[in-house]
């Protein structure tokens, strides 16, 4: 049985506060600092895996030499590939282009050679995550390309350790349609893999939470993730191939709701998950002792959770609910995309990411409109005091109630009320009134909030002194944006109070 890491630290740039290891108090994590960050996630926090991200960002390709040269004594005791794990998230070449993939392949191969020459037994990187997976053919294509590449490199350079030409794959499924029927992709992949490489020993497969929310809204993102978990285990039952699901969740409910303050709710909501992404906000926006305790708790208890298994009727109901909420969400977000993009340009950068548009970039979109990535999208709306959790949720609840589907929604999305209440503490009704008065398209979200308030039986808004201060910051942010001034300082202060940038 393979050793499956539970907590995977990632480079998602959603932190408001400076990392605890920063000497200068700067919240920006440069590429040159990510090696130290990787080591610290292992040694200081107890994370079991670290994701080295090649998707949409600049990368320190000397990670192997730096980790071993700076922290050799640590990794001699905690061996990469055996005790601690490093995994690459490679670029999706069908969306981002192929220029960085060969470089990622080369570092995997040279990392292995360096490790073996230093006396380590296993390749430090032997598995990669493929984002935006939507077909089995693409997963197999990457594996076949790596095999060709590895054999070509072995033919050019002297290799004393044999040819390393098999790369394990973790498909990251992101679309709500694909997440509610992932068995098609996974089953086809198992068949292709058996033909090309032999039977799959096991499969780690990832479930996105941020991008489904960005593209379809809060409720469809949760429903799709829950159905995907159930369907992953159906795949295991049907094929006999052991599966280990992972979920990529940020701290705020819109992006997954995984934070040190809400671990029990998360583990109940996404029971059956074997690996979770521990993103920057989780690690840096909470007190260090609490973060360490939370990671230890996840490592101990998450693997013991049992998944909810849905029959075909529940899955069809979930898809119907997705259709209801998604149609309202996409219409609203597409109509407001220009405003959201304008607000999002004020969100301070936290990593050396490539722009989502331009020569080397790619963009997310809803309908015909381009959108920011999920973190600045979420940050922009929270900074205005209009949490994106509410977009279309009210109208969706009203329609679900009319169709008699509200009990089924609450049976799938266990903590819908808790998460809406949490987001509601950062709602700024005055900003909402201003936006709705200036543009009728924002009035649709105001309508959503009103329906959610009726559903919850309470008014939304700040409940504590800190939340009142956050509300005041969001008022200032709105006025500064409207006057053409830079609200970056206020954006950061508000984000620190809610313990996540976006």
Protein backbone atom coordinates (compact mmCIF):
# COMPACT_ATOMS: atom_id res chain seq x y z
CA UNK A 1 0.00 0.00 0.00
CA UNK A 2 1.50 3.39 -0.98
CA UNK A 3 2.10 6.12 1.56
CA UNK A 4 -0.34 8.90 0.67
CA UNK A 5 0.46 12.38 2.02
CA UNK A 6 -2.49 14.07 3.74
CA UNK A 7 -1.47 17.73 3.86
CA UNK A 8 0.00 19.26 0.71
CA UNK A 9 1.33 22.80 1.09
CA UNK A 10 0.86 24.84 -2.08
CA UNK A 11 1.96 28.15 -3.57
CA UNK A 12 -1.56 29.55 -4.07
CA UNK A 13 -1.18 33.32 -3.44
CA UNK A 14 -4.12 33.87 -1.08
CA UNK A 15 -2.31 35.09 2.05
CA UNK A 16 -2.92 38.57 3.44
CA UNK A 17 -0.23 38.46 6.13
CA UNK A 18 3.50 37.95 5.83
CA UNK A 19 4.78 34.38 6.22
CA UNK A 20 6.01 33.58 9.72
CA UNK A 21 9.49 32.87 8.29
CA UNK A 22 9.81 36.28 6.57
CA UNK A 23 12.55 38.36 8.18
CA UNK A 24 11.48 41.65 6.59
CA UNK A 25 7.74 41.27 7.23
CA UNK A 26 6.95 41.34 3.52
CA UNK A 27 3.78 39.49 2.46
CA UNK A 28 5.12 38.97 -1.07
CA UNK A 29 6.75 35.57 -1.65
CA UNK A 30 9.33 35.83 -4.39
CA UNK A 31 10.48 32.88 -6.48
CA UNK A 32 13.83 32.82 -4.67
CA UNK A 33 12.04 32.47 -1.30
CA UNK A 34 9.98 29.44 -2.29
CA UNK A 35 12.74 26.94 -1.52
CA UNK A 36 12.85 28.16 2.07
CA UNK A 37 9.06 28.06 2.13
CA UNK A 38 9.09 24.45 0.96
CA UNK A 39 11.54 23.38 3.66
CA UNK A 40 9.61 25.26 6.33
CA UNK A 41 6.30 23.66 5.34
CA UNK A 42 7.91 20.28 6.00
CA UNK A 43 10.12 21.02 8.99
CA UNK A 44 8.14 23.67 10.88
CA UNK A 45 4.50 22.94 10.03
CA UNK A 46 4.49 19.18 9.57
CA UNK A 47 3.07 19.20 6.05
CA UNK A 48 3.67 15.90 4.30
CA UNK A 49 3.84 17.11 0.70
CA UNK A 50 4.71 20.30 -1.17
CA UNK A 51 3.38 21.31 -4.57
CA UNK A 52 5.95 23.01 -6.81
CA UNK A 53 3.76 24.98 -9.20
CA UNK A 54 4.62 25.33 -12.89
CA UNK A 55 1.13 26.46 -13.88
CA UNK A 56 0.80 30.17 -14.68
CA UNK A 57 3.80 31.28 -12.61
CA UNK A 58 7.56 31.66 -12.70
CA UNK A 59 9.57 28.80 -11.21
CA UNK A 60 12.92 28.36 -9.51
CA UNK A 61 14.25 25.47 -11.57
CA UNK A 62 17.21 24.91 -9.23
CA UNK A 63 14.93 23.61 -6.49
CA UNK A 64 16.80 20.28 -6.27
CA UNK A 65 20.24 21.78 -5.71
CA UNK A 66 18.95 24.39 -3.30
CA UNK A 67 16.91 22.01 -1.15
CA UNK A 68 19.78 19.55 -0.82
CA UNK A 69 22.55 22.11 -0.43
CA UNK A 70 20.75 24.25 2.17
CA UNK A 71 18.87 21.57 4.08
CA UNK A 72 20.76 18.35 3.46
CA UNK A 73 20.80 17.25 7.10
CA UNK A 74 17.01 17.53 7.27
CA UNK A 75 16.37 15.62 4.04
CA UNK A 76 18.89 12.95 5.01
CA UNK A 77 16.54 12.12 7.90
CA UNK A 78 13.27 12.90 6.09
CA UNK A 79 13.81 11.56 2.60
CA UNK A 80 12.01 13.10 -0.37
CA UNK A 81 9.93 10.51 -2.17
CA UNK A 82 9.71 8.34 0.95
CA UNK A 83 9.02 10.42 4.09
CA UNK A 84 8.21 13.79 2.55
CA UNK A 85 6.93 14.35 -0.95
CA UNK A 86 7.49 16.99 -3.62
CA UNK A 87 5.07 17.09 -6.52
CA UNK A 88 4.96 19.31 -9.59
CA UNK A 89 1.78 20.88 -10.90
CA UNK A 90 2.72 21.00 -14.56
CA UNK A 91 1.23 23.42 -17.10
CA UNK A 92 -1.73 22.24 -19.12
CA UNK A 93 -0.16 22.45 -22.58
CA UNK A 94 -3.59 22.70 -24.24
CA UNK A 95 -4.23 25.99 -22.40
CA UNK A 96 -0.83 27.46 -21.53
CA UNK A 97 1.49 26.27 -24.29
CA UNK A 98 4.34 23.75 -24.23
CA UNK A 99 7.37 25.98 -23.56
CA UNK A 100 7.64 25.18 -19.81
CA UNK A 101 6.77 21.48 -19.85
CA UNK A 102 10.17 20.26 -21.19
CA UNK A 103 11.91 22.31 -18.49
CA UNK A 104 9.72 20.68 -15.83
CA UNK A 105 10.55 17.25 -17.27
CA UNK A 106 14.27 18.02 -17.27
CA UNK A 107 14.30 19.11 -13.64
CA UNK A 108 12.48 15.91 -12.64
CA UNK A 109 15.15 13.83 -14.37
CA UNK A 110 18.13 15.79 -13.06
CA UNK A 111 16.62 15.90 -9.57
CA UNK A 112 16.50 12.10 -9.62
CA UNK A 113 20.14 11.83 -10.76
CA UNK A 114 21.28 14.23 -8.05
CA UNK A 115 19.34 12.39 -5.35
CA UNK A 116 20.72 8.99 -6.34
CA UNK A 117 24.27 10.33 -6.46
CA UNK A 118 23.81 11.57 -2.88
CA UNK A 119 22.70 8.16 -1.68
CA UNK A 120 18.94 8.53 -1.80
CA UNK A 121 17.07 5.49 -3.09
CA UNK A 122 13.99 6.95 -4.80
CA UNK A 123 13.29 9.82 -7.22
CA UNK A 124 12.29 12.91 -5.20
CA UNK A 125 9.65 13.79 -7.83
CA UNK A 126 7.83 10.87 -9.43
CA UNK A 127 4.30 12.23 -9.76
CA UNK A 128 2.73 15.35 -11.32
CA UNK A 129 -0.64 17.10 -11.21
CA UNK A 130 -2.28 17.88 -14.55
CA UNK A 131 -4.63 20.87 -14.13
CA UNK A 132 -7.82 21.31 -16.14
CA UNK A 133 -7.98 17.60 -16.95
CA UNK A 134 -10.95 16.94 -19.20
CA UNK A 135 -9.98 13.74 -21.02
CA UNK A 136 -8.07 10.53 -20.45
CA UNK A 137 -6.18 11.06 -23.70
CA UNK A 138 -4.46 14.14 -22.29
CA UNK A 139 -3.27 12.30 -19.19
CA UNK A 140 -1.79 9.49 -21.27
CA UNK A 141 -0.28 12.00 -23.70
CA UNK A 142 1.77 13.60 -20.89
CA UNK A 143 3.02 10.21 -19.72
CA UNK A 144 4.01 9.18 -23.24
CA UNK A 145 5.77 12.51 -23.81
CA UNK A 146 7.73 12.07 -20.59
CA UNK A 147 8.75 8.57 -21.64
CA UNK A 148 10.01 9.84 -25.00
CA UNK A 149 11.78 12.77 -23.36
CA UNK A 150 13.42 10.63 -20.66
CA UNK A 151 14.69 8.07 -23.15
CA UNK A 152 16.04 10.81 -25.42
CA UNK A 153 17.87 12.43 -22.50
CA UNK A 154 19.28 9.06 -21.45
CA UNK A 155 20.58 8.60 -24.99
CA UNK A 156 22.43 11.92 -24.93
CA UNK A 157 23.82 11.98 -21.39
CA UNK A 158 25.68 9.28 -19.49
CA UNK A 159 23.32 7.68 -17.01
CA UNK A 160 24.64 5.33 -14.34
CA UNK A 161 21.28 4.73 -12.68
CA UNK A 162 19.10 3.34 -15.45
CA UNK A 163 16.37 5.08 -17.39
CA UNK A 164 13.61 6.70 -15.32
CA UNK A 165 10.79 7.06 -17.84
CA UNK A 166 7.51 6.50 -15.99
CA UNK A 167 5.72 9.46 -14.41
CA UNK A 168 2.68 8.97 -12.18
CA UNK A 169 -0.24 11.30 -12.92
CA UNK A 170 -2.75 13.07 -10.69
CA UNK A 171 -5.57 14.39 -12.86
CA UNK A 172 -7.03 17.64 -11.48
CA UNK A 173 -10.62 17.86 -12.70
CA UNK A 174 -12.04 21.39 -12.65
CA UNK A 175 -15.24 21.67 -14.71
CA UNK A 176 -18.57 21.10 -12.96
CA UNK A 177 -19.79 18.89 -15.81
CA UNK A 178 -16.66 16.73 -15.62
CA UNK A 179 -16.77 16.62 -11.80
CA UNK A 180 -20.31 15.24 -11.79
CA UNK A 181 -19.30 12.46 -14.21
CA UNK A 182 -15.58 11.84 -13.56
CA UNK A 183 -15.92 8.09 -13.99
CA UNK A 184 -15.83 8.52 -17.76
CA UNK A 185 -12.37 10.12 -17.59
CA UNK A 186 -10.96 7.82 -14.92
CA UNK A 187 -12.25 4.59 -16.46
CA UNK A 188 -10.96 5.51 -19.90
CA UNK A 189 -7.61 6.41 -18.37
CA UNK A 190 -7.37 3.07 -16.55
CA UNK A 191 -8.02 1.21 -19.81
CA UNK A 192 -5.48 3.28 -21.76
CA UNK A 193 -2.90 3.00 -19.00
CA UNK A 194 -3.21 -0.79 -18.90
CA UNK A 195 -2.61 -0.95 -22.65
CA UNK A 196 0.32 1.49 -22.64
CA UNK A 197 2.03 0.95 -19.28
CA UNK A 198 0.30 -1.96 -17.56
CA UNK A 199 -2.42 -2.00 -14.84
CA UNK A 200 -2.73 1.00 -12.54
CA UNK A 201 -1.54 0.16 -9.05
CA UNK A 202 -3.52 3.03 -7.53
CA UNK A 203 -4.69 6.51 -8.50
CA UNK A 204 -4.55 9.87 -6.80
CA UNK A 205 -7.10 12.19 -8.38
CA UNK A 206 -7.76 15.83 -7.52
CA UNK A 207 -10.96 17.84 -7.24
CA UNK A 208 -10.87 21.59 -7.85
CA UNK A 209 -12.91 23.95 -5.67
CA UNK A 210 -11.78 27.46 -6.65
CA UNK A 211 -12.24 27.42 -10.41
CA UNK A 212 -15.62 25.64 -10.35
CA UNK A 213 -16.79 28.39 -7.98
CA UNK A 214 -15.33 31.08 -10.24
CA UNK A 215 -17.01 29.60 -13.30
CA UNK A 216 -20.30 28.38 -11.84
CA UNK A 217 -20.81 29.81 -8.33
CA UNK A 218 -20.58 28.57 -4.75
CA UNK A 219 -23.36 26.00 -4.67
CA UNK A 220 -22.47 24.19 -7.95
CA UNK A 221 -18.81 24.06 -6.84
CA UNK A 222 -19.74 22.32 -3.58
CA UNK A 223 -22.27 19.96 -5.15
CA UNK A 224 -19.85 19.02 -7.94
CA UNK A 225 -17.03 18.32 -5.48
CA UNK A 226 -19.30 16.15 -3.33
CA UNK A 227 -20.56 14.18 -6.34
CA UNK A 228 -16.99 13.80 -7.61
CA UNK A 229 -15.90 12.29 -4.29
CA UNK A 230 -18.75 9.81 -4.45
CA UNK A 231 -18.03 8.96 -8.09
CA UNK A 232 -14.31 8.50 -7.42
CA UNK A 233 -15.18 5.80 -4.92
CA UNK A 234 -17.65 4.27 -7.37
CA UNK A 235 -14.73 4.04 -9.82
CA UNK A 236 -12.70 2.27 -7.13
CA UNK A 237 -15.52 -0.22 -6.51
CA UNK A 238 -16.08 -0.87 -10.22
CA UNK A 239 -12.42 -1.28 -11.18
CA UNK A 240 -10.70 -2.49 -8.02
CA UNK A 241 -8.16 0.33 -8.43
CA UNK A 242 -7.55 2.04 -5.09
CA UNK A 243 -8.26 5.76 -5.29
CA UNK A 244 -7.02 8.59 -3.09
CA UNK A 245 -8.96 11.83 -3.74
CA UNK A 246 -7.47 15.26 -3.09
CA UNK A 247 -9.30 18.59 -2.86
CA UNK A 248 -7.86 22.03 -3.57
CA UNK A 249 -9.56 24.37 -1.10
CA UNK A 250 -8.80 27.91 0.06
CA UNK A 251 -9.76 29.39 3.43
CA UNK A 252 -12.89 31.34 2.44
CA UNK A 253 -16.10 29.40 1.78
CA UNK A 254 -16.23 30.46 -1.87
CA UNK A 255 -12.90 28.71 -2.48
CA UNK A 256 -13.51 25.67 -0.26
CA UNK A 257 -13.65 26.77 3.37
CA UNK A 258 -10.54 24.98 4.65
CA UNK A 259 -9.11 27.02 7.51
CA UNK A 260 -7.68 26.26 10.97
CA UNK A 261 -10.89 27.71 12.47
CA UNK A 262 -13.28 25.40 10.60
CA UNK A 263 -11.56 22.01 10.32
CA UNK A 264 -14.39 19.87 11.68
CA UNK A 265 -16.95 21.35 9.28
CA UNK A 266 -14.59 20.82 6.35
CA UNK A 267 -13.80 17.21 7.25
CA UNK A 268 -17.51 16.48 7.59
CA UNK A 269 -18.41 18.24 4.34
CA UNK A 270 -15.69 16.59 2.27
CA UNK A 271 -15.43 13.26 4.09
CA UNK A 272 -13.49 10.69 2.11
CA UNK A 273 -10.82 13.14 1.01
CA UNK A 274 -7.33 11.72 1.48
CA UNK A 275 -5.21 14.82 0.63
CA UNK A 276 -5.96 18.51 1.06
CA UNK A 277 -4.22 21.55 -0.38
CA UNK A 278 -2.93 23.68 2.50
CA UNK A 279 -2.71 27.04 0.78
CA UNK A 280 -0.82 30.20 1.72
CA UNK A 281 -3.70 31.85 3.59
CA UNK A 282 -4.14 28.78 5.79
CA UNK A 283 -0.44 28.78 6.66
CA UNK A 284 0.24 32.51 7.08
CA UNK A 285 -2.97 34.27 8.14
CA UNK A 286 -3.50 32.40 11.42
CA UNK A 287 -1.33 32.17 14.56
CA UNK A 288 1.51 29.73 14.01
CA UNK A 289 0.62 27.40 16.94
CA UNK A 290 -2.95 27.10 15.60
CA UNK A 291 -1.66 26.31 12.11
CA UNK A 292 0.61 23.54 13.43
CA UNK A 293 -2.23 22.07 15.48
CA UNK A 294 -4.57 22.19 12.49
CA UNK A 295 -2.10 20.41 10.19
CA UNK A 296 -1.45 17.74 12.83
CA UNK A 297 -5.20 17.23 13.20
CA UNK A 298 -5.69 16.89 9.45
CA UNK A 299 -2.81 14.42 9.20
CA UNK A 300 -4.33 12.28 11.94
CA UNK A 301 -8.06 12.41 11.27
CA UNK A 302 -8.73 13.25 7.62
CA UNK A 303 -7.73 9.79 6.28
CA UNK A 304 -10.27 8.20 8.68
CA UNK A 305 -13.29 10.04 7.26
CA UNK A 306 -15.76 8.01 5.21
CA UNK A 307 -17.26 9.37 1.98
CA UNK A 308 -20.94 9.94 1.35
CA UNK A 309 -21.96 7.69 -1.52
CA UNK A 310 -24.77 8.94 -3.75
CA UNK A 311 -27.12 6.94 -5.91
CA UNK A 312 -28.12 7.98 -9.43
CA UNK A 313 -31.20 9.84 -8.22
CA UNK A 314 -29.18 12.06 -5.87
CA UNK A 315 -26.62 12.73 -8.59
CA UNK A 316 -29.33 13.74 -11.05
CA UNK A 317 -30.83 16.05 -8.42
CA UNK A 318 -27.37 17.54 -7.87
CA UNK A 319 -27.01 18.22 -11.58
CA UNK A 320 -30.45 19.83 -11.66
CA UNK A 321 -29.47 22.08 -8.76
CA UNK A 322 -26.22 22.94 -10.50
CA UNK A 323 -28.17 24.01 -13.56
CA UNK A 324 -30.41 26.30 -11.50
CA UNK A 325 -27.65 28.08 -9.59
CA UNK A 326 -25.18 28.15 -12.47
CA UNK A 327 -27.56 29.84 -14.92
CA UNK A 328 -28.20 32.74 -12.55
CA UNK A 329 -24.53 33.01 -11.60
CA UNK A 330 -23.07 33.07 -15.09
CA UNK A 331 -25.56 35.62 -16.36
CA UNK A 332 -24.79 37.96 -13.45
CA UNK A 333 -21.01 37.55 -13.48
CA UNK A 334 -20.77 37.93 -17.25
CA UNK A 335 -22.72 41.18 -17.05
CA UNK A 336 -20.44 42.51 -14.28
CA UNK A 337 -17.14 41.13 -15.62
CA UNK A 338 -15.80 44.55 -16.66
CA UNK A 339 -16.46 46.00 -13.20
CA UNK A 340 -14.94 42.98 -11.47
CA UNK A 341 -11.83 43.10 -13.64
CA UNK A 342 -11.45 46.79 -12.89
CA UNK A 343 -11.70 46.18 -9.14
CA UNK A 344 -9.40 43.13 -9.27
CA UNK A 345 -6.50 45.09 -10.76
CA UNK A 346 -6.11 46.74 -7.33
CA UNK A 347 -5.48 43.44 -5.51
CA UNK A 348 -1.82 43.28 -4.40
CA UNK A 349 0.25 40.46 -5.88
CA UNK A 350 1.61 37.77 -3.58
CA UNK A 351 3.64 35.66 -6.03
CA UNK A 352 5.48 36.03 -9.31
CA UNK A 353 2.56 34.81 -11.35
CA UNK A 354 2.31 35.35 -15.06
CA UNK A 355 -0.50 37.65 -16.11
CA UNK A 356 -3.65 35.74 -17.01
CA UNK A 357 -3.57 37.50 -20.37
CA UNK A 358 -0.70 38.29 -22.68
CA UNK A 359 2.15 36.53 -24.43
CA UNK A 360 2.57 33.65 -21.96
CA UNK A 361 -0.79 33.73 -20.22
CA UNK A 362 -4.21 32.22 -20.51
CA UNK A 363 -7.45 33.40 -19.00
CA UNK A 364 -10.50 32.08 -17.21
CA UNK A 365 -13.82 33.12 -18.64
CA UNK A 366 -17.56 33.08 -18.13
CA UNK A 367 -19.48 33.28 -21.37
CA UNK A 368 -17.74 35.76 -23.65
CA UNK A 369 -16.08 37.64 -20.79
CA UNK A 370 -12.58 37.12 -19.40
CA UNK A 371 -12.22 37.03 -15.63
CA UNK A 372 -9.39 37.36 -13.12
CA UNK A 373 -8.06 34.17 -11.55
CA UNK A 374 -10.10 32.85 -8.63
CA UNK A 375 -8.06 34.48 -5.85
CA UNK A 376 -8.13 38.10 -7.13
CA UNK A 377 -11.78 37.60 -8.14
CA UNK A 378 -12.67 36.55 -4.60
CA UNK A 379 -10.44 39.22 -3.07
CA UNK A 380 -11.97 41.99 -5.18
CA UNK A 381 -15.53 41.17 -4.17
CA UNK A 382 -14.70 40.66 -0.49
CA UNK A 383 -12.82 43.97 -0.56
CA UNK A 384 -16.02 45.65 -1.71
CA UNK A 385 -17.98 43.99 1.07
CA UNK A 386 -19.90 41.87 -1.44
CA UNK A 387 -18.70 38.29 -0.83
CA UNK A 388 -19.07 36.20 -4.01
CA UNK A 389 -20.76 33.43 -2.01
CA UNK A 390 -24.01 35.36 -2.46
CA UNK A 391 -23.95 35.79 -6.23
CA UNK A 392 -26.95 33.80 -7.54
CA UNK A 393 -27.27 31.88 -4.27
CA UNK A 394 -30.41 33.69 -3.18
CA UNK A 395 -32.18 33.29 -6.52
CA UNK A 396 -31.01 29.68 -6.68
CA UNK A 397 -32.43 28.94 -3.22
CA UNK A 398 -35.72 30.54 -4.19
CA UNK A 399 -35.93 28.42 -7.35
CA UNK A 400 -34.90 25.26 -5.47
CA UNK A 401 -37.63 25.94 -2.91
CA UNK A 402 -40.20 26.42 -5.70
CA UNK A 403 -39.21 23.07 -7.23
CA UNK A 404 -39.21 21.29 -3.87
CA UNK A 405 -35.45 20.68 -4.02
CA UNK A 406 -34.28 22.64 -0.98
CA UNK A 407 -34.19 19.60 1.36
CA UNK A 408 -32.07 17.72 -1.19
CA UNK A 409 -29.71 20.71 -1.48
CA UNK A 410 -29.23 20.81 2.28
CA UNK A 411 -28.69 17.05 2.37
CA UNK A 412 -25.80 17.35 -0.11
CA UNK A 413 -24.36 20.71 1.00
CA UNK A 414 -24.32 20.04 4.73
CA UNK A 415 -22.92 23.38 5.90
CA UNK A 416 -24.58 25.75 3.46
CA UNK A 417 -26.12 27.84 6.25
CA UNK A 418 -22.90 27.96 8.27
CA UNK A 419 -20.87 29.08 5.27
CA UNK A 420 -23.38 31.74 4.23
CA UNK A 421 -23.43 33.08 7.78
CA UNK A 422 -19.64 33.21 7.82
CA UNK A 423 -19.49 35.12 4.52
CA UNK A 424 -22.32 37.36 5.71
CA UNK A 425 -20.15 38.74 8.51
CA UNK A 426 -18.10 40.51 5.81
CA UNK A 427 -21.09 41.94 3.94
CA UNK A 428 -21.24 45.72 3.59
CA UNK A 429 -24.86 46.72 2.97
CA UNK A 430 -23.96 50.38 2.33
CA UNK A 431 -21.57 49.46 -0.48
CA UNK A 432 -24.18 47.09 -1.88
CA UNK A 433 -26.73 49.90 -1.89
CA UNK A 434 -24.29 52.21 -3.66
CA UNK A 435 -23.43 49.63 -6.31
CA UNK A 436 -27.07 48.69 -6.91
CA UNK A 437 -28.10 52.35 -7.16
CA UNK A 438 -25.44 53.14 -9.75
CA UNK A 439 -25.96 50.00 -11.84
CA UNK A 440 -29.06 47.79 -11.93
CA UNK A 441 -26.91 44.74 -12.67
CA UNK A 442 -25.56 44.84 -9.12
CA UNK A 443 -29.15 44.93 -7.86
CA UNK A 444 -29.43 41.25 -8.74
CA UNK A 445 -26.85 40.45 -6.07
CA UNK A 446 -28.66 42.68 -3.60
CA UNK A 447 -31.74 40.59 -4.31
CA UNK A 448 -29.68 37.45 -3.64
CA UNK A 449 -28.62 38.79 -0.25
CA UNK A 450 -32.20 39.62 0.71
CA UNK A 451 -33.36 36.08 -0.12
CA UNK A 452 -30.44 34.57 1.79
CA UNK A 453 -31.34 36.72 4.82
CA UNK A 454 -34.88 35.35 4.70
CA UNK A 455 -33.51 31.82 4.34
CA UNK A 456 -31.18 32.21 7.33
CA UNK A 457 -33.65 34.22 9.37
CA UNK A 458 -31.17 37.00 10.15
CA UNK A 459 -29.65 40.15 8.74
CA UNK A 460 -26.18 39.83 7.28
CA UNK A 461 -23.35 42.06 8.40
CA UNK A 462 -20.51 42.32 10.91
CA UNK A 463 -21.01 40.76 14.35
CA UNK A 464 -17.75 41.59 16.14
CA UNK A 465 -15.63 44.69 16.62
CA UNK A 466 -13.02 43.33 14.22
CA UNK A 467 -15.70 42.70 11.59
CA UNK A 468 -17.05 46.23 12.05
CA UNK A 469 -13.53 47.54 11.41
CA UNK A 470 -13.32 45.32 8.33
CA UNK A 471 -16.64 46.81 7.15
CA UNK A 472 -15.17 50.29 7.54
CA UNK A 473 -12.15 49.30 5.48
CA UNK A 474 -14.39 48.01 2.69
CA UNK A 475 -16.28 51.32 2.70
CA UNK A 476 -12.98 53.13 2.29
CA UNK A 477 -11.88 50.74 -0.45
CA UNK A 478 -15.03 51.43 -2.44
CA UNK A 479 -14.66 55.21 -2.13
CA UNK A 480 -10.95 55.12 -2.99
CA UNK A 481 -11.59 52.96 -6.07
CA UNK A 482 -14.33 55.28 -7.25
CA UNK A 483 -12.07 58.29 -6.82
CA UNK A 484 -9.23 56.67 -8.76
CA UNK A 485 -6.95 56.30 -5.72
CA UNK A 486 -4.96 53.24 -4.71
CA UNK A 487 -6.73 51.24 -1.97
CA UNK A 488 -4.00 48.59 -1.60
CA UNK A 489 -3.28 49.32 2.07
CA UNK A 490 -6.96 49.11 3.00
CA UNK A 491 -7.38 45.93 0.94
CA UNK A 492 -4.60 44.25 2.91
CA UNK A 493 -5.92 45.37 6.31
CA UNK A 494 -9.42 44.09 5.53
CA UNK A 495 -7.98 40.80 4.30
CA UNK A 496 -5.95 40.34 7.48
CA UNK A 497 -9.15 40.61 9.53
CA UNK A 498 -10.97 37.94 7.49
CA UNK A 499 -7.72 35.88 7.45
CA UNK A 500 -7.37 35.49 3.71
CA UNK A 501 -6.70 37.73 0.75
CA UNK A 502 -9.12 35.90 -1.52
